[in-house]
N, C-alpha and C. Protein backbone atom coordinates (compact mmCIF):
# COMPACT_ATOMS: atom_id res chain seq x y z
N MET A 1 -11.95 69.65 93.33
CA MET A 1 -11.86 68.22 93.15
C MET A 1 -10.89 67.84 92.05
N LEU A 2 -10.97 68.55 90.92
CA LEU A 2 -10.03 68.21 89.84
C LEU A 2 -8.56 68.59 90.25
N GLY A 3 -8.40 69.66 90.99
CA GLY A 3 -7.06 70.04 91.44
C GLY A 3 -6.47 69.00 92.36
N ARG A 4 -7.34 68.35 93.23
CA ARG A 4 -6.84 67.33 94.10
C ARG A 4 -6.40 66.12 93.32
N VAL A 5 -7.15 65.78 92.28
CA VAL A 5 -6.79 64.58 91.49
C VAL A 5 -5.51 64.83 90.70
N LEU A 6 -5.42 66.05 90.09
CA LEU A 6 -4.20 66.40 89.31
C LEU A 6 -3.02 66.53 90.24
N GLY A 7 -3.22 67.12 91.42
CA GLY A 7 -2.19 67.24 92.35
C GLY A 7 -1.67 65.84 92.80
N GLY A 8 -2.51 64.86 93.02
CA GLY A 8 -2.14 63.59 93.37
C GLY A 8 -1.30 62.88 92.26
N LEU A 9 -1.67 63.14 91.05
CA LEU A 9 -0.87 62.59 89.94
C LEU A 9 0.55 63.12 89.86
N PHE A 10 0.72 64.39 90.28
CA PHE A 10 2.04 64.99 90.14
C PHE A 10 2.72 65.08 91.52
N GLY A 11 2.33 64.28 92.48
CA GLY A 11 3.05 64.19 93.74
C GLY A 11 2.75 65.37 94.70
N LYS A 12 1.70 66.14 94.41
CA LYS A 12 1.33 67.26 95.33
C LYS A 12 0.00 66.97 95.96
N GLY A 13 -0.29 67.57 97.04
CA GLY A 13 -1.53 67.36 97.73
C GLY A 13 -1.41 66.29 98.78
N GLY A 14 -2.51 65.69 99.12
CA GLY A 14 -2.63 64.65 100.25
C GLY A 14 -1.66 63.54 100.07
N GLY A 15 -1.01 63.20 101.16
CA GLY A 15 -0.11 62.08 101.20
C GLY A 15 1.36 62.45 100.74
N GLU A 16 2.23 61.50 100.88
CA GLU A 16 3.60 61.73 100.47
C GLU A 16 3.74 61.50 98.95
N PRO A 17 4.60 62.28 98.26
CA PRO A 17 4.84 62.02 96.85
C PRO A 17 5.53 60.71 96.65
N ARG A 18 5.20 60.04 95.55
CA ARG A 18 5.84 58.78 95.29
C ARG A 18 7.10 59.11 94.50
N ASP A 19 8.19 58.52 94.87
CA ASP A 19 9.50 58.75 94.19
C ASP A 19 10.07 57.39 93.82
N ASN A 20 10.13 57.11 92.58
CA ASN A 20 10.61 55.80 92.09
C ASN A 20 12.16 55.86 91.90
N ALA A 21 12.89 56.07 92.99
CA ALA A 21 14.31 56.29 92.90
C ALA A 21 15.01 55.58 94.09
N PHE A 22 16.36 55.33 93.85
CA PHE A 22 17.23 54.92 94.88
C PHE A 22 18.02 56.18 95.30
N TYR A 23 18.35 56.32 96.54
CA TYR A 23 19.25 57.41 96.97
C TYR A 23 20.49 56.83 97.65
N TYR A 24 21.57 57.48 97.18
CA TYR A 24 22.91 57.07 97.73
C TYR A 24 23.52 58.34 98.29
N TYR A 25 24.40 58.21 99.23
CA TYR A 25 25.02 59.36 99.91
C TYR A 25 26.50 59.13 99.78
N ILE A 26 27.20 60.20 99.32
CA ILE A 26 28.62 60.10 99.13
C ILE A 26 29.36 61.27 99.65
N ARG A 27 30.68 61.13 99.85
CA ARG A 27 31.47 62.23 100.30
C ARG A 27 32.70 62.33 99.43
N CYS A 28 32.93 63.55 98.93
CA CYS A 28 34.05 63.89 98.05
C CYS A 28 35.38 63.68 98.79
N ALA A 29 36.29 62.96 98.16
CA ALA A 29 37.58 62.70 98.76
C ALA A 29 38.46 63.97 98.84
N LYS A 30 38.16 64.91 97.88
CA LYS A 30 38.98 66.10 97.83
C LYS A 30 38.60 67.14 98.84
N CYS A 31 37.32 67.51 98.96
CA CYS A 31 36.91 68.58 99.80
C CYS A 31 36.02 68.17 101.00
N GLY A 32 35.53 66.91 101.00
CA GLY A 32 34.75 66.36 102.11
C GLY A 32 33.28 66.70 102.05
N GLU A 33 32.81 67.30 100.95
CA GLU A 33 31.40 67.62 100.82
C GLU A 33 30.58 66.39 100.74
N ALA A 34 29.43 66.36 101.55
CA ALA A 34 28.49 65.31 101.52
C ALA A 34 27.47 65.57 100.42
N ILE A 35 27.18 64.66 99.56
CA ILE A 35 26.26 64.79 98.39
C ILE A 35 25.29 63.69 98.37
N ARG A 36 24.03 64.03 98.04
CA ARG A 36 22.93 63.02 97.89
C ARG A 36 22.88 62.72 96.36
N LEU A 37 22.88 61.47 95.99
CA LEU A 37 22.82 61.04 94.62
C LEU A 37 21.48 60.31 94.44
N ARG A 38 20.75 60.77 93.41
CA ARG A 38 19.42 60.19 93.11
C ARG A 38 19.56 59.31 91.81
N VAL A 39 19.16 58.06 91.90
CA VAL A 39 19.17 57.15 90.77
C VAL A 39 17.67 56.74 90.42
N ASP A 40 17.18 57.20 89.30
CA ASP A 40 15.79 56.97 88.91
C ASP A 40 15.70 55.50 88.41
N ARG A 41 14.80 54.76 89.05
CA ARG A 41 14.73 53.33 88.70
C ARG A 41 14.14 53.16 87.26
N ALA A 42 13.41 54.07 86.80
CA ALA A 42 12.81 53.87 85.47
C ALA A 42 13.70 54.43 84.30
N ASN A 43 14.52 55.48 84.62
CA ASN A 43 15.22 56.11 83.54
C ASN A 43 16.76 56.00 83.56
N ASP A 44 17.31 55.83 84.70
CA ASP A 44 18.79 55.82 84.81
C ASP A 44 19.42 54.40 84.66
N LEU A 45 18.71 53.35 84.83
CA LEU A 45 19.29 52.02 84.83
C LEU A 45 19.44 51.53 83.42
N ALA A 46 20.62 51.11 83.05
CA ALA A 46 20.87 50.49 81.76
C ALA A 46 20.72 48.99 81.83
N GLN A 47 20.13 48.33 80.87
CA GLN A 47 19.95 46.95 80.85
C GLN A 47 21.26 46.21 80.57
N ASP A 48 21.53 45.16 81.27
CA ASP A 48 22.79 44.27 81.07
C ASP A 48 22.27 42.98 80.55
N PHE A 49 22.94 42.47 79.50
CA PHE A 49 22.56 41.13 78.93
C PHE A 49 23.84 40.20 79.01
N ASP A 50 23.59 38.99 79.39
CA ASP A 50 24.60 37.91 79.40
C ASP A 50 24.11 36.89 78.40
N GLY A 51 24.91 36.44 77.49
CA GLY A 51 24.53 35.39 76.57
C GLY A 51 23.62 35.84 75.52
N SER A 52 22.80 35.00 75.00
CA SER A 52 21.98 35.23 73.85
C SER A 52 20.52 35.24 74.23
N GLY A 53 20.10 36.16 75.09
CA GLY A 53 18.69 36.23 75.44
C GLY A 53 18.16 37.67 75.24
N ASP A 54 16.87 37.77 75.10
CA ASP A 54 16.25 39.01 74.96
C ASP A 54 15.90 39.70 76.27
N ASN A 55 15.96 38.99 77.35
CA ASN A 55 15.59 39.54 78.70
C ASN A 55 16.90 40.01 79.38
N PRO A 56 16.83 41.17 79.99
CA PRO A 56 18.03 41.62 80.78
C PRO A 56 18.30 40.72 82.01
N THR A 57 19.55 40.49 82.25
CA THR A 57 19.95 39.72 83.38
C THR A 57 20.28 40.60 84.58
N GLY A 58 20.36 41.89 84.35
CA GLY A 58 20.67 42.78 85.41
C GLY A 58 20.61 44.23 84.81
N TYR A 59 21.00 45.17 85.66
CA TYR A 59 20.95 46.57 85.30
C TYR A 59 22.18 47.25 85.94
N SER A 60 22.60 48.39 85.40
CA SER A 60 23.71 49.08 85.97
C SER A 60 23.53 50.61 85.67
N VAL A 61 24.22 51.35 86.50
CA VAL A 61 24.22 52.84 86.31
C VAL A 61 25.59 53.33 86.68
N THR A 62 26.06 54.29 85.84
CA THR A 62 27.33 54.97 86.14
C THR A 62 27.04 56.42 86.05
N LYS A 63 27.38 57.15 87.09
CA LYS A 63 27.12 58.59 87.13
C LYS A 63 28.36 59.30 87.49
N GLY A 64 28.60 60.44 86.89
CA GLY A 64 29.62 61.42 87.30
C GLY A 64 28.95 62.46 88.18
N VAL A 65 29.43 62.58 89.37
CA VAL A 65 28.78 63.51 90.34
C VAL A 65 29.77 64.64 90.63
N VAL A 66 29.22 65.83 90.59
CA VAL A 66 29.98 67.06 90.91
C VAL A 66 29.26 67.84 92.02
N GLY A 67 29.97 68.12 93.09
CA GLY A 67 29.40 68.85 94.16
C GLY A 67 29.44 70.36 93.95
N LYS A 68 29.14 71.13 95.01
CA LYS A 68 29.12 72.55 94.93
C LYS A 68 30.38 73.26 95.38
N LYS A 69 31.27 72.43 96.05
CA LYS A 69 32.43 73.10 96.64
C LYS A 69 33.65 73.10 95.72
N CYS A 70 34.10 71.89 95.21
CA CYS A 70 35.37 71.86 94.51
C CYS A 70 35.30 71.45 93.06
N PHE A 71 34.10 71.09 92.56
CA PHE A 71 33.88 70.73 91.18
C PHE A 71 34.70 69.54 90.65
N ARG A 72 35.21 68.67 91.59
CA ARG A 72 35.88 67.52 91.23
C ARG A 72 34.83 66.42 90.93
N THR A 73 35.05 65.69 89.81
CA THR A 73 34.06 64.64 89.41
C THR A 73 34.28 63.39 90.20
N ILE A 74 33.20 62.86 90.80
CA ILE A 74 33.23 61.58 91.55
C ILE A 74 32.49 60.60 90.60
N SER A 75 33.14 59.47 90.33
CA SER A 75 32.52 58.43 89.45
C SER A 75 31.92 57.34 90.31
N VAL A 76 30.60 57.12 90.09
CA VAL A 76 29.88 56.10 90.88
C VAL A 76 29.27 55.07 89.97
N THR A 77 29.53 53.76 90.22
CA THR A 77 28.89 52.73 89.42
C THR A 77 28.19 51.76 90.40
N ILE A 78 26.97 51.51 90.05
CA ILE A 78 26.13 50.61 90.85
C ILE A 78 25.56 49.55 89.93
N LYS A 79 25.59 48.29 90.34
CA LYS A 79 25.01 47.16 89.55
C LYS A 79 23.86 46.62 90.32
N PHE A 80 22.86 46.15 89.56
CA PHE A 80 21.60 45.60 90.16
C PHE A 80 21.38 44.24 89.46
N ASP A 81 20.72 43.37 90.18
CA ASP A 81 20.23 42.12 89.56
C ASP A 81 19.01 42.34 88.70
N GLY A 82 18.43 41.26 88.22
CA GLY A 82 17.25 41.37 87.33
C GLY A 82 16.02 41.90 88.03
N ALA A 83 15.97 41.81 89.37
CA ALA A 83 14.89 42.35 90.14
C ALA A 83 15.10 43.75 90.64
N ARG A 84 16.14 44.36 90.17
CA ARG A 84 16.59 45.77 90.46
C ARG A 84 17.00 45.89 92.00
N ARG A 85 17.65 44.78 92.47
CA ARG A 85 18.17 44.85 93.84
C ARG A 85 19.71 45.04 93.67
N GLU A 86 20.27 45.92 94.46
CA GLU A 86 21.66 46.23 94.38
C GLU A 86 22.52 45.00 94.56
N SER A 87 23.53 44.82 93.63
CA SER A 87 24.43 43.59 93.80
C SER A 87 25.83 44.10 94.03
N SER A 88 26.20 45.25 93.61
CA SER A 88 27.54 45.79 93.86
C SER A 88 27.57 47.30 93.62
N ARG A 89 28.57 47.97 94.24
CA ARG A 89 28.80 49.38 94.03
C ARG A 89 30.26 49.69 94.06
N SER A 90 30.68 50.77 93.39
CA SER A 90 32.01 51.19 93.41
C SER A 90 32.06 52.71 93.22
N ILE A 91 33.09 53.36 93.73
CA ILE A 91 33.19 54.78 93.70
C ILE A 91 34.68 55.20 93.50
N ASP A 92 34.91 56.17 92.68
CA ASP A 92 36.30 56.67 92.51
C ASP A 92 36.20 58.23 92.69
N GLY A 93 37.02 58.69 93.66
CA GLY A 93 37.10 60.06 94.03
C GLY A 93 36.27 60.41 95.19
N GLY A 94 35.78 59.43 95.87
CA GLY A 94 34.92 59.67 97.09
C GLY A 94 34.68 58.42 97.85
N GLU A 95 33.72 58.52 98.79
CA GLU A 95 33.32 57.31 99.57
C GLU A 95 31.88 57.36 99.83
N PHE A 96 31.28 56.18 99.95
CA PHE A 96 29.86 56.12 100.32
C PHE A 96 29.69 56.43 101.82
N ILE A 97 28.69 57.16 102.19
CA ILE A 97 28.39 57.45 103.59
C ILE A 97 26.92 57.05 103.83
N THR A 98 26.50 57.02 105.09
CA THR A 98 25.11 56.69 105.39
C THR A 98 24.22 57.91 105.28
N ALA A 99 22.91 57.67 105.19
CA ALA A 99 21.93 58.77 105.17
C ALA A 99 22.08 59.60 106.41
N GLU A 100 22.32 58.91 107.59
CA GLU A 100 22.40 59.66 108.87
C GLU A 100 23.63 60.61 108.85
N GLU A 101 24.77 60.15 108.30
CA GLU A 101 25.93 61.05 108.22
C GLU A 101 25.61 62.23 107.33
N PHE A 102 24.94 61.97 106.21
CA PHE A 102 24.58 63.04 105.26
C PHE A 102 23.65 64.09 105.99
N GLU A 103 22.64 63.60 106.69
CA GLU A 103 21.70 64.47 107.33
C GLU A 103 22.38 65.30 108.43
N ALA A 104 23.30 64.60 109.16
CA ALA A 104 23.98 65.33 110.25
C ALA A 104 24.85 66.47 109.67
N GLU A 105 25.50 66.19 108.59
CA GLU A 105 26.32 67.24 107.94
C GLU A 105 25.45 68.33 107.34
N GLN A 106 24.30 68.03 106.83
CA GLN A 106 23.40 69.09 106.39
C GLN A 106 22.86 69.94 107.50
N GLY A 107 22.60 69.31 108.60
CA GLY A 107 22.19 70.11 109.81
C GLY A 107 23.25 71.05 110.29
N GLU A 108 24.54 70.57 110.27
CA GLU A 108 25.66 71.37 110.70
C GLU A 108 25.85 72.55 109.76
N ALA A 109 25.70 72.30 108.46
CA ALA A 109 25.81 73.41 107.51
C ALA A 109 24.76 74.49 107.66
N THR A 110 23.52 73.99 107.94
CA THR A 110 22.40 74.94 108.21
C THR A 110 22.64 75.79 109.42
N ASN A 111 23.19 75.17 110.48
CA ASN A 111 23.47 75.93 111.74
C ASN A 111 24.57 76.91 111.55
N GLN A 112 25.57 76.60 110.74
CA GLN A 112 26.71 77.47 110.49
C GLN A 112 26.22 78.71 109.67
N THR A 113 25.34 78.52 108.70
CA THR A 113 24.87 79.67 107.87
C THR A 113 23.94 80.53 108.62
N SER A 114 23.22 80.02 109.59
CA SER A 114 22.21 80.86 110.30
C SER A 114 22.86 81.51 111.53
N ALA A 115 24.10 81.14 111.87
CA ALA A 115 24.78 81.76 113.00
C ALA A 115 25.25 83.16 112.71
């Protein structure tokens, strides 16, 4: 019983684990590697303030992403409104791709390594 309760607290056991994150999918402009980027809603977002208030007007995150193939840094900046809804995104050294494109490329890589 205690194991089930503790397992539930740490995302193990019955049901799906809760993940308080945004996921973005990018492709390196240099080597073409598809990369999944995780942005933790609680720890990665920096508060943005406009004017003289104590409450944040929005949030932003900037991450330097390095893949496994070419080690070229991809810079990703994402801005969010006060309710943590995405308002804009930019990338330098790559491009944003869809989750479906990422999954398809991961499937192809798995098939190539098992052949």
